[in-house]
Amino acid sequence: MKKLTYIVLTLGIAVASFAAAPLSLEDALSLALQNNYNIKQVKNSTEIMEKTAIPGNAGLLPSVSLSAGVNYADNTISGMQTQSTTNTATLSAQYLLFDGFGNVYTYKKLKSQSEQAVVEEKSAIEGTLLVVAQSFLSTSLARDNMDAAKDQRISHRKILINKKANMTLAI
């Protein structure tokens, strides 16, 4: 987290110093949302969790299987030629009626994991936005302090010039 803050702060200072137009807070936030690898990773994880939280993965749906096969044989035995073809097909359906509510609990667990992934995604996004906003505001404060110091230096220089002029007039 500290490394991310340092990187964002450094980039913020670099962009603010060298950019032709200053970067607004909204622009900084939108850039962070678009380019942050952690946010992309968490969004993908959330999408995967939402797609796996279905009744079929919990064993609540019946399973259907289909198999088919064909055998063809062409044999020549002592001058006689024989051909045979065997076709097979099998269709089976299975459904577990009662599993001690294990499949229901599995489904609830999958839903809970999906909801947790959504909360983690929101947390990651909010954390990134907070870091970017803090970095942006601290950069803005540093820029304001630097401008104030420059103004103060200029006013002090004017006061010094006036004092020197007064000293030369007094002599």
Protein backbone atom coordinates (compact mmCIF):
# COMPACT_ATOMS: atom_id res chain seq x y z
CA MET A 1 0.00 0.00 0.00
CA LYS A 2 2.87 2.37 0.82
CA LYS A 3 4.54 1.46 -2.45
CA LEU A 4 1.33 2.26 -4.35
CA THR A 5 1.02 5.57 -2.53
CA TYR A 6 4.62 6.45 -3.37
CA ILE A 7 4.12 5.56 -7.04
CA VAL A 8 0.89 7.54 -7.32
CA LEU A 9 2.42 10.51 -5.51
CA THR A 10 5.50 10.45 -7.73
CA LEU A 11 3.40 10.19 -10.86
CA GLY A 12 1.12 12.96 -9.61
CA ILE A 13 4.06 15.28 -9.00
CA ALA A 14 5.62 14.40 -12.36
CA VAL A 15 2.37 14.95 -14.23
CA ALA A 16 1.64 18.17 -12.36
CA SER A 17 5.15 19.50 -12.96
CA PHE A 18 5.57 18.66 -16.61
CA ALA A 19 2.05 18.62 -18.02
CA ALA A 20 0.88 21.48 -20.20
CA ALA A 21 -2.50 21.48 -18.49
CA PRO A 22 -2.82 20.50 -14.84
CA LEU A 23 -4.49 17.19 -14.14
CA SER A 24 -7.83 17.51 -12.38
CA LEU A 25 -8.88 15.23 -9.54
CA GLU A 26 -11.59 13.65 -11.71
CA ASP A 27 -9.06 12.90 -14.44
CA ALA A 28 -6.65 11.38 -11.94
CA LEU A 29 -9.39 9.19 -10.48
CA SER A 30 -10.60 8.01 -13.89
CA LEU A 31 -7.02 7.21 -14.96
CA ALA A 32 -6.49 5.22 -11.78
CA LEU A 33 -9.70 3.25 -12.33
CA GLN A 34 -8.77 2.48 -15.93
CA ASN A 35 -5.11 1.57 -15.44
CA ASN A 36 -4.88 -0.02 -11.99
CA TYR A 37 -3.89 -3.68 -12.32
CA ASN A 38 -5.23 -4.61 -8.88
CA ILE A 39 -8.70 -3.32 -9.77
CA LYS A 40 -8.70 -5.24 -13.05
CA GLN A 41 -7.65 -8.40 -11.23
CA VAL A 42 -10.33 -8.03 -8.55
CA LYS A 43 -13.02 -7.35 -11.19
CA ASN A 44 -12.05 -10.52 -13.05
CA SER A 45 -12.11 -12.50 -9.81
CA THR A 46 -15.57 -11.13 -9.00
CA GLU A 47 -16.85 -12.03 -12.45
CA ILE A 48 -15.55 -15.58 -12.09
CA MET A 49 -17.11 -15.97 -8.64
CA GLU A 50 -20.47 -14.69 -9.88
CA LYS A 51 -20.42 -17.13 -12.79
CA THR A 52 -19.58 -20.11 -10.58
CA ALA A 53 -22.29 -19.37 -7.99
CA ILE A 54 -24.96 -21.35 -9.83
CA PRO A 55 -27.11 -24.27 -8.68
CA GLY A 56 -25.42 -26.66 -11.12
CA ASN A 57 -22.05 -26.25 -9.41
CA ALA A 58 -23.65 -27.07 -6.07
CA GLY A 59 -25.19 -30.32 -7.29
CA LEU A 60 -28.76 -29.04 -7.28
CA LEU A 61 -29.39 -29.86 -10.95
CA PRO A 62 -29.66 -33.30 -12.51
CA SER A 63 -26.78 -34.59 -14.58
CA VAL A 64 -27.37 -35.99 -18.05
CA SER A 65 -24.83 -37.98 -20.00
CA LEU A 66 -24.94 -39.30 -23.55
CA SER A 67 -22.53 -41.71 -25.13
CA ALA A 68 -22.49 -43.25 -28.56
CA GLY A 69 -20.21 -45.62 -30.41
CA VAL A 70 -19.83 -47.35 -33.75
CA ASN A 71 -17.75 -50.45 -34.48
CA TYR A 72 -17.04 -51.59 -38.03
CA ALA A 73 -15.17 -54.76 -38.88
CA ASP A 74 -14.17 -56.07 -42.32
CA ASN A 75 -12.65 -59.54 -42.03
CA THR A 76 -11.53 -62.04 -44.62
CA ILE A 77 -11.26 -65.60 -43.31
CA SER A 78 -10.29 -68.44 -45.76
CA GLY A 79 -11.77 -66.79 -48.80
CA MET A 80 -14.94 -65.56 -47.14
CA GLN A 81 -15.34 -61.92 -46.57
CA THR A 82 -17.42 -60.80 -43.60
CA GLN A 83 -18.43 -57.35 -42.59
CA SER A 84 -20.07 -56.35 -39.36
CA THR A 85 -21.18 -53.04 -37.92
CA THR A 86 -22.17 -52.48 -34.32
CA ASN A 87 -23.92 -49.28 -33.22
CA THR A 88 -24.40 -48.38 -29.57
CA ALA A 89 -26.00 -45.41 -27.86
CA THR A 90 -26.58 -44.75 -24.18
CA LEU A 91 -28.45 -41.92 -22.49
CA SER A 92 -28.52 -41.61 -18.72
CA ALA A 93 -29.88 -39.04 -16.31
CA GLN A 94 -29.09 -38.83 -12.60
CA TYR A 95 -30.42 -36.71 -9.78
CA LEU A 96 -29.53 -36.96 -6.14
CA LEU A 97 -32.74 -36.55 -4.16
CA PHE A 98 -31.32 -35.96 -0.70
CA ASP A 99 -27.76 -35.31 0.35
CA GLY A 100 -28.33 -34.17 3.91
CA PHE A 101 -28.67 -30.61 2.61
CA GLY A 102 -25.02 -30.72 1.54
CA ASN A 103 -25.81 -29.40 -1.92
CA VAL A 104 -27.97 -26.62 -0.47
CA TYR A 105 -25.15 -25.57 1.86
CA THR A 106 -22.70 -25.73 -1.02
CA TYR A 107 -24.94 -23.40 -3.03
CA LYS A 108 -25.20 -20.99 -0.09
CA LYS A 109 -21.41 -21.09 0.26
CA LEU A 110 -20.96 -20.27 -3.43
CA LYS A 111 -23.39 -17.36 -3.15
CA SER A 112 -21.61 -16.10 -0.05
CA GLN A 113 -18.24 -16.25 -1.82
CA SER A 114 -19.72 -14.33 -4.73
CA GLU A 115 -21.03 -11.62 -2.41
CA GLN A 116 -17.67 -11.48 -0.65
CA ALA A 117 -15.93 -10.98 -4.00
CA VAL A 118 -18.24 -8.04 -4.76
CA VAL A 119 -17.42 -6.45 -1.40
CA GLU A 120 -13.68 -6.99 -1.97
CA GLU A 121 -14.00 -5.36 -5.40
CA LYS A 122 -15.70 -2.31 -3.91
CA SER A 123 -13.07 -2.15 -1.17
CA ALA A 124 -10.21 -2.30 -3.68
CA ILE A 125 -11.77 0.42 -5.82
CA GLU A 126 -12.45 2.67 -2.84
CA GLY A 127 -8.95 2.11 -1.46
CA THR A 128 -7.36 3.01 -4.77
CA LEU A 129 -9.53 6.10 -5.12
CA LEU A 130 -8.61 7.14 -1.58
CA VAL A 131 -4.88 6.77 -2.26
CA VAL A 132 -5.14 8.71 -5.52
CA ALA A 133 -7.20 11.48 -3.89
CA GLN A 134 -4.77 11.74 -0.96
CA SER A 135 -1.80 11.88 -3.31
CA PHE A 136 -3.51 14.43 -5.52
CA LEU A 137 -4.43 16.65 -2.60
CA SER A 138 -0.98 16.41 -1.00
CA THR A 139 0.58 17.30 -4.35
CA SER A 140 -1.81 20.22 -4.68
CA LEU A 141 -0.96 21.36 -1.15
CA ALA A 142 2.76 21.09 -1.89
CA ARG A 143 2.26 23.14 -5.05
CA ASP A 144 0.32 25.78 -3.12
CA ASN A 145 3.01 25.88 -0.42
CA MET A 146 5.68 26.28 -3.08
CA ASP A 147 3.74 29.15 -4.70
CA ALA A 148 3.28 30.79 -1.29
CA ALA A 149 7.00 30.44 -0.56
CA LYS A 150 7.84 32.03 -3.92
CA ASP A 151 5.46 34.91 -3.20
CA GLN A 152 6.95 35.31 0.28
CA ARG A 153 10.46 35.29 -1.15
CA ILE A 154 9.52 37.99 -3.64
CA SER A 155 7.92 40.16 -0.93
CA HIS A 156 10.93 39.66 1.36
CA ARG A 157 13.24 40.63 -1.47
CA LYS A 158 11.23 43.84 -2.02
CA ILE A 159 11.41 44.61 1.70
CA LEU A 160 15.17 44.02 1.65
CA ILE A 161 15.61 46.33 -1.35
CA ASN A 162 13.53 49.02 0.38
CA LYS A 163 15.57 48.67 3.60
CA LYS A 164 18.82 48.96 1.67
CA ALA A 165 17.48 52.03 -0.10
CA ASN A 166 16.46 53.55 3.25
CA MET A 167 19.91 52.78 4.69
CA THR A 168 21.65 54.51 1.80
CA LEU A 169 19.38 57.55 2.15
CA ALA A 170 20.00 57.67 5.88
CA ILE A 171 23.76 57.76 5.44
